[in-house]
């Protein structure tokens, strides 16, 4: 997969959307190397975010706004190869060769229970798993294709196992579904051949109907990669109508080229104006990549989470299990560290509202009603100053321990201190300040802020 460096110095996989706009279109021949640049696919941010969300959005979205943190799981035949989820397309592996992996894919029984327990221990509140990625292989039992786990090597419905595991840990259940399908013969022709388009769109709608019908209550449908059609070609309005009719409480994202309930920035914590969720990798890869040891630190992962929470977003953190379902140990240890931190400091994340306190040189801020949480990335030593505080602070405490923090206010400055010379919590420390009104920052640096 194409890559670039992000601001934290990690090699960053280019987003599906940018990869799409740069490389992909409807395939015209038998080889994936014949893909042409997109001509009509409208994936611009404005097209996806300026329209209204589906009906009854405010009722359906409430739990998700409270949850803040979820687990993303990329798992499929590509996990056998250990060369990322795009291996089939990037390496142009012939279909007849790639199909053989279907009989080799024999994961351990009920590995999803391990994932769900890990998600719960890590402080996550929901899960989203790939039911079908771009390779076209289905982890669920589909009557529309034999290219699925129950009819090949696994011999069982892996989506059913996942659903049961998530529910056992009291986690919300999400399904990822790739609209692009390299295995289906009509996908390559759907852009220009109307008969092929009808067959492929009917197949896609049919599979979504199966997923919405056969597994009980589903909380999230996470579309991806609407290549090669536009919203009209996919019949996206009818698609969402069907999904919401079958699952009245579900949330849908914006990757079928309609606005959806939330937008989906990738590998970035850049906020959107409406409901949004950042999906990010724990190293540099979505699926299992044997040589990728560029693991983000627990501190960086916590920073990503709180930056999403600060701006009213969610954080969907990806793991890429091996083919047998086991999770690499470096991912486990980092997630467990996040879970420990959230058990002490979750009040600064769960149920927080968008915080109008954007400027900090050694950390960031989140907010729950009139409580301002100062999340200190780089411990300053004996004192710390917060600028632009126009409200009155009534009390302050270390969130993890509850111990009071001394402070004084000088004009618009809130000065915490004396503080311990070393940070009292790891990987970051949180100070909760109770204010007499909603904390809104008005510092010198605020003068450069764009108008809302």
Protein backbone atom coordinates (compact mmCIF):
# COMPACT_ATOMS: atom_id res chain seq x y z
CA UNK A 1 0.00 0.00 0.00
CA UNK A 2 1.13 3.53 -0.65
CA UNK A 3 2.47 5.32 2.40
CA UNK A 4 3.54 8.71 3.69
CA UNK A 5 4.81 10.08 6.98
CA UNK A 6 2.36 11.58 9.46
CA UNK A 7 2.99 14.35 11.96
CA UNK A 8 4.03 11.89 14.68
CA UNK A 9 6.80 10.49 12.50
CA UNK A 10 5.07 7.21 11.75
CA UNK A 11 4.83 5.86 8.25
CA UNK A 12 1.18 6.36 7.41
CA UNK A 13 -0.82 4.30 4.95
CA UNK A 14 -2.65 6.55 2.51
CA UNK A 15 -6.38 6.62 3.16
CA UNK A 16 -8.70 4.45 1.14
CA UNK A 17 -10.29 7.61 -0.18
CA UNK A 18 -7.04 9.14 -1.44
CA UNK A 19 -5.90 5.79 -2.77
CA UNK A 20 -9.22 5.53 -4.56
CA UNK A 21 -9.08 8.98 -6.10
CA UNK A 22 -5.53 8.44 -7.24
CA UNK A 23 -5.50 4.88 -8.50
CA UNK A 24 -8.83 3.17 -8.92
CA UNK A 25 -11.77 3.08 -11.30
CA UNK A 26 -13.93 0.44 -12.82
CA UNK A 27 -11.73 -2.36 -14.05
CA UNK A 28 -12.12 -2.99 -17.74
CA UNK A 29 -10.35 -6.33 -18.15
CA UNK A 30 -9.32 -9.48 -16.39
CA UNK A 31 -6.28 -7.87 -14.79
CA UNK A 32 -6.36 -5.43 -11.89
CA UNK A 33 -3.45 -3.61 -13.48
CA UNK A 34 -5.88 -2.10 -15.99
CA UNK A 35 -7.50 0.22 -13.47
CA UNK A 36 -7.97 3.78 -14.73
CA UNK A 37 -8.08 7.06 -12.76
CA UNK A 38 -11.51 7.95 -11.44
CA UNK A 39 -13.55 10.16 -13.71
CA UNK A 40 -16.95 10.45 -12.12
CA UNK A 41 -16.68 9.10 -8.58
CA UNK A 42 -17.63 11.97 -6.28
CA UNK A 43 -15.86 11.47 -2.99
CA UNK A 44 -15.09 15.04 -2.02
CA UNK A 45 -15.60 16.03 1.57
CA UNK A 46 -18.23 18.61 0.69
CA UNK A 47 -20.30 16.12 -1.23
CA UNK A 48 -20.29 13.71 1.69
CA UNK A 49 -20.76 16.01 4.66
CA UNK A 50 -22.94 18.98 3.75
CA UNK A 51 -26.27 17.14 3.39
CA UNK A 52 -28.50 16.02 6.20
CA UNK A 53 -28.03 12.59 7.84
CA UNK A 54 -30.64 9.81 7.62
CA UNK A 55 -33.97 10.18 9.46
CA UNK A 56 -34.12 9.93 13.26
CA UNK A 57 -30.40 10.64 13.46
CA UNK A 58 -30.39 12.36 16.86
CA UNK A 59 -32.08 9.45 18.61
CA UNK A 60 -29.93 6.79 16.98
CA UNK A 61 -26.58 8.54 17.47
CA UNK A 62 -26.77 9.21 21.22
CA UNK A 63 -25.09 6.03 22.45
CA UNK A 64 -22.30 6.43 19.87
CA UNK A 65 -21.51 9.97 21.02
CA UNK A 66 -21.16 8.66 24.55
CA UNK A 67 -19.04 5.65 23.57
CA UNK A 68 -16.06 7.48 21.96
CA UNK A 69 -13.84 4.40 21.49
CA UNK A 70 -14.21 1.31 19.31
CA UNK A 71 -12.21 -1.59 17.90
CA UNK A 72 -11.77 -2.03 14.12
CA UNK A 73 -10.86 -5.53 12.89
CA UNK A 74 -9.43 -6.30 9.45
CA UNK A 75 -9.39 -10.06 8.96
CA UNK A 76 -9.69 -12.19 5.85
CA UNK A 77 -7.77 -14.30 3.35
CA UNK A 78 -5.15 -11.57 3.10
CA UNK A 79 -4.25 -12.40 6.72
CA UNK A 80 -2.75 -15.68 5.47
CA UNK A 81 -0.39 -13.79 3.17
CA UNK A 82 0.59 -11.31 5.87
CA UNK A 83 1.06 -8.54 3.31
CA UNK A 84 -1.83 -6.16 4.10
CA UNK A 85 -5.49 -6.19 3.08
CA UNK A 86 -4.80 -4.84 -0.40
CA UNK A 87 -2.41 -7.65 -1.36
CA UNK A 88 -4.64 -9.09 -4.08
CA UNK A 89 -5.03 -5.74 -5.79
CA UNK A 90 -1.61 -4.28 -5.19
CA UNK A 91 0.18 -7.44 -6.34
CA UNK A 92 -2.38 -8.18 -9.08
CA UNK A 93 -2.71 -11.78 -7.87
CA UNK A 94 -4.70 -13.85 -10.40
CA UNK A 95 -8.17 -14.71 -9.16
CA UNK A 96 -7.78 -18.45 -9.57
CA UNK A 97 -4.61 -18.34 -7.48
CA UNK A 98 -6.08 -16.12 -4.77
CA UNK A 99 -9.23 -18.27 -4.46
CA UNK A 100 -7.13 -21.17 -3.18
CA UNK A 101 -6.62 -19.26 0.05
CA UNK A 102 -10.28 -19.85 0.87
CA UNK A 103 -9.59 -23.49 1.76
CA UNK A 104 -6.47 -22.57 3.72
CA UNK A 105 -8.29 -20.09 5.96
CA UNK A 106 -8.95 -22.18 9.08
CA UNK A 107 -8.84 -19.93 12.16
CA UNK A 108 -9.02 -21.21 15.70
CA UNK A 109 -12.55 -21.70 17.06
CA UNK A 110 -14.15 -18.66 18.66
CA UNK A 111 -11.13 -16.37 18.40
CA UNK A 112 -13.55 -13.46 18.41
CA UNK A 113 -14.05 -14.05 22.14
CA UNK A 114 -10.42 -13.07 22.68
CA UNK A 115 -10.90 -9.89 20.61
CA UNK A 116 -14.06 -8.92 22.48
CA UNK A 117 -12.45 -9.45 25.88
CA UNK A 118 -9.47 -7.38 24.74
CA UNK A 119 -11.79 -4.64 23.49
CA UNK A 120 -13.61 -4.52 26.81
CA UNK A 121 -10.35 -4.53 28.81
CA UNK A 122 -9.06 -1.72 26.59
CA UNK A 123 -12.02 0.52 27.37
CA UNK A 124 -13.67 0.16 23.97
CA UNK A 125 -17.46 0.32 23.79
CA UNK A 126 -18.09 -1.10 20.30
CA UNK A 127 -16.51 -3.24 17.59
CA UNK A 128 -16.53 -3.15 13.78
CA UNK A 129 -15.33 -6.21 11.84
CA UNK A 130 -14.80 -6.79 8.12
CA UNK A 131 -17.60 -9.08 6.97
CA UNK A 132 -16.30 -8.76 3.38
CA UNK A 133 -13.23 -6.78 2.30
CA UNK A 134 -12.23 -5.81 -1.24
CA UNK A 135 -11.07 -9.37 -1.97
CA UNK A 136 -14.74 -10.42 -2.03
CA UNK A 137 -14.40 -13.29 0.45
CA UNK A 138 -17.29 -13.34 2.92
CA UNK A 139 -16.79 -14.25 6.56
CA UNK A 140 -20.55 -14.75 6.84
CA UNK A 141 -22.89 -17.40 5.48
CA UNK A 142 -24.23 -16.06 2.19
CA UNK A 143 -26.71 -17.78 -0.10
CA UNK A 144 -25.52 -15.56 -2.94
CA UNK A 145 -21.99 -16.95 -3.23
CA UNK A 146 -20.01 -20.05 -2.30
CA UNK A 147 -16.96 -17.85 -1.72
CA UNK A 148 -17.55 -17.64 2.02
CA UNK A 149 -16.09 -19.07 5.20
CA UNK A 150 -18.87 -21.56 6.03
CA UNK A 151 -18.50 -23.27 2.64
CA UNK A 152 -14.70 -23.34 2.53
CA UNK A 153 -11.80 -23.95 4.93
CA UNK A 154 -13.26 -22.45 8.08
CA UNK A 155 -16.46 -24.45 7.76
CA UNK A 156 -18.38 -22.09 10.00
CA UNK A 157 -19.92 -18.61 10.13
CA UNK A 158 -17.19 -16.33 11.51
CA UNK A 159 -19.50 -13.32 11.64
CA UNK A 160 -21.90 -15.24 13.90
CA UNK A 161 -19.01 -16.03 16.25
CA UNK A 162 -18.01 -12.38 16.27
CA UNK A 163 -21.53 -11.16 17.00
CA UNK A 164 -21.94 -13.59 19.89
CA UNK A 165 -18.54 -12.64 21.31
CA UNK A 166 -19.23 -8.90 21.21
CA UNK A 167 -22.61 -9.32 22.87
CA UNK A 168 -21.11 -11.52 25.59
CA UNK A 169 -18.86 -8.58 26.53
CA UNK A 170 -21.77 -6.09 26.28
CA UNK A 171 -20.21 -4.32 23.31
CA UNK A 172 -22.10 -2.76 20.41
CA UNK A 173 -21.82 -4.67 17.13
CA UNK A 174 -20.65 -3.15 13.84
CA UNK A 175 -20.31 -4.67 10.37
CA UNK A 176 -17.80 -3.41 7.81
CA UNK A 177 -18.80 -4.19 4.22
CA UNK A 178 -16.76 -3.34 1.12
CA UNK A 179 -18.87 -2.32 -1.85
CA UNK A 180 -15.89 -2.89 -4.12
CA UNK A 181 -15.48 -6.61 -4.84
CA UNK A 182 -12.49 -7.89 -6.81
CA UNK A 183 -13.90 -11.43 -6.90
CA UNK A 184 -17.30 -10.75 -8.46
CA UNK A 185 -17.11 -10.89 -12.28
CA UNK A 186 -19.63 -8.07 -12.75
CA UNK A 187 -17.74 -5.60 -10.55
CA UNK A 188 -15.21 -5.08 -13.35
CA UNK A 189 -17.93 -4.25 -15.84
CA UNK A 190 -20.45 -2.39 -13.70
CA UNK A 191 -19.39 1.11 -14.69
CA UNK A 192 -20.13 0.70 -18.41
CA UNK A 193 -22.28 -2.44 -18.77
CA UNK A 194 -25.83 -1.84 -17.52
CA UNK A 195 -26.71 -5.53 -17.30
CA UNK A 196 -23.57 -6.27 -15.29
CA UNK A 197 -24.30 -3.27 -13.08
CA UNK A 198 -27.78 -4.52 -12.30
CA UNK A 199 -26.51 -7.99 -11.40
CA UNK A 200 -23.74 -6.62 -9.20
CA UNK A 201 -25.89 -4.02 -7.42
CA UNK A 202 -28.57 -6.66 -6.81
CA UNK A 203 -25.87 -8.93 -5.37
CA UNK A 204 -24.60 -6.15 -3.10
CA UNK A 205 -28.05 -5.21 -1.84
CA UNK A 206 -28.81 -8.90 -1.35
CA UNK A 207 -25.76 -9.45 0.80
CA UNK A 208 -26.52 -6.38 2.88
CA UNK A 209 -30.03 -7.73 3.38
CA UNK A 210 -28.54 -11.00 4.64
CA UNK A 211 -26.30 -9.16 7.10
CA UNK A 212 -29.17 -7.02 8.34
CA UNK A 213 -31.51 -9.99 8.71
CA UNK A 214 -29.55 -12.98 10.00
CA UNK A 215 -27.65 -11.71 13.05
CA UNK A 216 -30.12 -9.96 15.30
CA UNK A 217 -29.66 -6.32 16.29
CA UNK A 218 -26.73 -4.62 14.52
CA UNK A 219 -25.55 -1.22 15.72
CA UNK A 220 -23.28 0.05 12.91
CA UNK A 221 -22.96 -0.55 9.17
CA UNK A 222 -19.56 0.65 7.95
CA UNK A 223 -19.56 0.88 4.15
CA UNK A 224 -16.28 1.21 2.28
CA UNK A 225 -14.88 1.77 -1.23
CA UNK A 226 -17.82 2.63 -3.51
CA UNK A 227 -15.91 1.85 -6.69
CA UNK A 228 -16.84 2.18 -9.56
CA UNK A 229 -20.30 3.73 -9.20
CA UNK A 230 -21.82 6.93 -7.87
CA UNK A 231 -24.68 7.05 -5.36
CA UNK A 232 -27.26 6.70 -8.10
CA UNK A 233 -25.48 3.71 -9.60
CA UNK A 234 -25.26 1.97 -6.24
CA UNK A 235 -28.86 2.92 -5.47
CA UNK A 236 -27.46 4.18 -2.19
CA UNK A 237 -30.68 5.87 -1.05
CA UNK A 238 -32.57 2.60 -1.50
CA UNK A 239 -29.68 0.80 0.19
CA UNK A 240 -29.91 2.97 3.30
CA UNK A 241 -33.70 2.80 3.32
CA UNK A 242 -33.56 -1.00 3.33
CA UNK A 243 -30.92 -1.08 6.06
CA UNK A 244 -32.85 1.28 8.30
CA UNK A 245 -36.09 -0.55 7.68
CA UNK A 246 -34.51 -3.84 8.78
CA UNK A 247 -32.45 -2.26 11.59
CA UNK A 248 -34.27 0.87 12.83
CA UNK A 249 -31.60 1.74 15.42
CA UNK A 250 -28.52 1.24 13.24
CA UNK A 251 -25.95 3.89 12.31
CA UNK A 252 -24.51 4.06 8.78
CA UNK A 253 -21.35 5.85 7.73
CA UNK A 254 -20.81 8.06 4.68
CA UNK A 255 -18.89 5.71 2.40
CA UNK A 256 -21.74 4.71 0.09
CA UNK A 257 -21.60 8.29 -1.22
CA UNK A 258 -24.45 9.58 0.95
CA UNK A 259 -23.87 11.67 4.09
CA UNK A 260 -24.68 8.93 6.58
CA UNK A 261 -24.81 9.39 10.34
CA UNK A 262 -21.08 10.10 10.66
CA UNK A 263 -18.08 10.91 8.50
CA UNK A 264 -14.90 8.85 8.49
CA UNK A 265 -11.53 10.64 8.38
CA UNK A 266 -8.73 8.12 8.09
CA UNK A 267 -5.35 8.15 9.87
CA UNK A 268 -6.10 11.65 11.10
CA UNK A 269 -7.75 13.35 14.07
CA UNK A 270 -8.81 16.35 11.98
CA UNK A 271 -12.33 17.17 13.10
CA UNK A 272 -15.47 17.50 11.00
CA UNK A 273 -18.35 19.83 11.82
CA UNK A 274 -20.88 17.03 12.23
CA UNK A 275 -20.56 13.60 13.87
CA UNK A 276 -17.28 11.99 12.88
CA UNK A 277 -15.07 9.02 13.65
CA UNK A 278 -11.35 8.70 12.99
CA UNK A 279 -10.26 5.22 11.99
CA UNK A 280 -6.57 4.61 12.60
CA UNK A 281 -4.06 1.77 12.70
CA UNK A 282 -2.11 0.69 15.76
CA UNK A 283 1.03 0.26 13.65
CA UNK A 284 1.10 1.22 9.96
CA UNK A 285 -1.13 -1.55 8.58
CA UNK A 286 -4.84 -2.30 8.57
CA UNK A 287 -4.49 -6.06 8.24
CA UNK A 288 -1.75 -8.35 9.50
CA UNK A 289 1.57 -7.43 7.92
CA UNK A 290 4.31 -9.68 9.25
CA UNK A 291 7.14 -7.16 8.96
CA UNK A 292 5.35 -4.08 10.32
CA UNK A 293 6.88 -3.40 13.73
CA UNK A 294 6.28 0.34 13.68
CA UNK A 295 3.90 0.23 16.64
CA UNK A 296 2.55 3.50 17.97
CA UNK A 297 3.28 4.02 21.65
CA UNK A 298 0.55 3.82 24.26
CA UNK A 299 1.00 7.56 24.80
CA UNK A 300 0.45 8.31 21.11
CA UNK A 301 -2.68 6.15 21.06
CA UNK A 302 -4.09 7.89 24.14
CA UNK A 303 -3.28 11.26 22.57
CA UNK A 304 -5.20 10.26 19.42
CA UNK A 305 -8.17 9.21 21.54
CA UNK A 306 -8.38 12.41 23.57
CA UNK A 307 -7.87 14.60 20.50
CA UNK A 308 -10.89 12.91 18.94
CA UNK A 309 -12.88 13.41 22.15
CA UNK A 310 -11.85 17.08 22.39
CA UNK A 311 -13.42 17.81 19.00
CA UNK A 312 -16.55 15.71 19.45
CA UNK A 313 -15.35 12.68 17.51
CA UNK A 314 -14.87 8.96 18.06
CA UNK A 315 -11.72 6.87 17.73
CA UNK A 316 -11.95 3.53 15.89
CA UNK A 317 -8.62 1.80 16.50
CA UNK A 318 -7.71 -1.07 14.20
CA UNK A 319 -6.13 -4.43 14.96
CA UNK A 320 -5.02 -6.89 12.29
CA UNK A 321 -5.22 -10.45 13.65
CA UNK A 322 -3.12 -13.20 12.12
CA UNK A 323 -4.89 -15.78 9.97
CA UNK A 324 -5.46 -18.04 13.00
CA UNK A 325 -7.12 -15.12 14.81
CA UNK A 326 -4.34 -14.39 17.27
CA UNK A 327 -3.50 -10.74 17.93
CA UNK A 328 0.18 -9.68 17.88
CA UNK A 329 1.49 -9.14 21.42
CA UNK A 330 2.64 -5.52 20.84
CA UNK A 331 -0.96 -4.61 19.99
CA UNK A 332 -2.28 -6.37 23.10
CA UNK A 333 0.13 -4.63 25.47
CA UNK A 334 -0.67 -1.20 24.07
CA UNK A 335 -4.41 -1.74 24.23
CA UNK A 336 -4.16 -2.99 27.80
CA UNK A 337 -2.19 0.13 28.72
CA UNK A 338 -4.96 2.26 27.21
CA UNK A 339 -7.53 0.28 29.18
CA UNK A 340 -5.70 0.87 32.43
CA UNK A 341 -5.49 4.59 31.74
CA UNK A 342 -9.19 4.77 30.86
CA UNK A 343 -10.19 2.97 34.05
CA UNK A 344 -8.54 5.83 35.94
CA UNK A 345 -9.38 8.66 33.56
CA UNK A 346 -12.39 7.61 31.50
CA UNK A 347 -14.42 10.53 32.81
CA UNK A 348 -12.26 12.77 30.58
CA UNK A 349 -13.28 10.79 27.48
CA UNK A 350 -16.64 9.00 27.67
CA UNK A 351 -19.66 11.22 27.24
CA UNK A 352 -17.61 14.37 26.76
CA UNK A 353 -18.86 17.15 24.51
CA UNK A 354 -17.03 19.14 21.87
CA UNK A 355 -14.60 21.36 23.76
CA UNK A 356 -14.12 25.01 22.78
CA UNK A 357 -10.69 25.07 24.35
CA UNK A 358 -8.33 24.27 21.49
CA UNK A 359 -4.97 25.76 22.48
CA UNK A 360 -2.38 24.03 24.62
CA UNK A 361 1.36 23.73 24.22
CA UNK A 362 1.94 20.68 26.42
CA UNK A 363 -1.41 18.90 26.17
CA UNK A 364 -5.05 19.19 25.18
CA UNK A 365 -8.43 19.72 26.83
CA UNK A 366 -11.72 17.87 26.92
CA UNK A 367 -14.99 18.90 28.51
CA UNK A 368 -18.00 17.36 30.22
CA UNK A 369 -20.58 20.08 30.87
CA UNK A 370 -18.74 22.63 33.06
CA UNK A 371 -15.75 20.43 33.89
CA UNK A 372 -12.54 21.13 32.00
CA UNK A 373 -10.07 18.26 31.76
CA UNK A 374 -6.46 19.30 31.21
CA UNK A 375 -4.68 16.30 29.67
CA UNK A 376 -0.95 16.82 30.09
CA UNK A 377 1.21 15.10 27.49
CA UNK A 378 4.52 16.59 28.60
CA UNK A 379 4.79 17.10 32.35
CA UNK A 380 5.92 20.67 33.14
CA UNK A 381 7.29 20.15 36.62
CA UNK A 382 6.20 22.28 39.57
CA UNK A 383 3.53 24.39 37.85
CA UNK A 384 1.40 24.64 34.73
CA UNK A 385 -0.43 27.61 33.23
CA UNK A 386 -3.63 27.40 31.17
CA UNK A 387 -4.37 30.55 29.17
CA UNK A 388 -7.65 32.10 28.13
CA UNK A 389 -9.77 30.97 31.10
CA UNK A 390 -12.63 33.45 31.43
CA UNK A 391 -14.81 31.44 33.81
CA UNK A 392 -14.26 30.96 37.53
CA UNK A 393 -12.66 27.68 38.62
CA UNK A 394 -14.19 26.30 41.80
CA UNK A 395 -11.95 23.28 42.44
CA UNK A 396 -9.34 21.05 40.78
CA UNK A 397 -8.16 17.49 41.28
CA UNK A 398 -6.01 14.80 39.71
CA UNK A 399 -8.56 12.66 37.95
CA UNK A 400 -6.79 9.32 38.49
CA UNK A 401 -6.36 9.67 42.25
CA UNK A 402 -8.93 12.29 43.21
CA UNK A 403 -6.25 14.21 45.13
CA UNK A 404 -6.87 17.97 45.12
CA UNK A 405 -4.70 20.24 43.00
CA UNK A 406 -3.89 23.73 44.22
CA UNK A 407 -4.46 26.57 41.77
CA UNK A 408 -4.87 30.29 41.43
CA UNK A 409 -6.39 32.51 38.76
CA UNK A 410 -4.62 35.67 37.61
CA UNK A 411 -6.77 37.42 35.06
CA UNK A 412 -7.27 34.92 32.23
CA UNK A 413 -4.54 32.58 33.49
CA UNK A 414 -5.29 29.42 35.44
CA UNK A 415 -2.11 28.32 37.23
CA UNK A 416 -1.92 24.82 38.72
CA UNK A 417 0.70 24.39 41.41
CA UNK A 418 2.66 23.46 43.25
CA UNK A 419 2.68 20.19 41.29
CA UNK A 420 4.82 17.08 41.76
CA UNK A 421 8.10 17.21 39.90
CA UNK A 422 7.25 13.93 38.15
CA UNK A 423 3.92 13.11 36.48
CA UNK A 424 1.58 11.29 38.88
CA UNK A 425 0.05 9.16 36.10
CA UNK A 426 1.16 7.39 32.94
CA UNK A 427 1.19 7.71 29.97
CA UNK A 428 -0.48 11.12 30.47
CA UNK A 429 -1.91 12.91 33.51
CA UNK A 430 -5.36 14.51 33.76
CA UNK A 431 -6.35 17.44 35.96
CA UNK A 432 -10.10 18.02 36.27
CA UNK A 433 -11.21 21.59 36.99
CA UNK A 434 -14.79 22.36 38.03
CA UNK A 435 -15.90 25.69 36.52
CA UNK A 436 -18.90 27.91 37.15
CA UNK A 437 -19.83 27.90 33.43
CA UNK A 438 -18.90 26.13 30.23
CA UNK A 439 -15.16 26.68 29.75
CA UNK A 440 -14.52 28.53 26.49
CA UNK A 441 -10.97 29.58 25.72
CA UNK A 442 -10.20 33.19 24.88
CA UNK A 443 -6.41 33.37 24.82
CA UNK A 444 -4.07 35.43 22.69
CA UNK A 445 -3.67 32.45 20.36
CA UNK A 446 -7.47 32.28 20.01
CA UNK A 447 -7.34 35.40 17.86
CA UNK A 448 -6.03 33.23 15.02
CA UNK A 449 -8.95 30.79 15.19
CA UNK A 450 -11.29 30.61 12.19
CA UNK A 451 -14.82 31.70 12.86
CA UNK A 452 -17.20 28.82 13.62
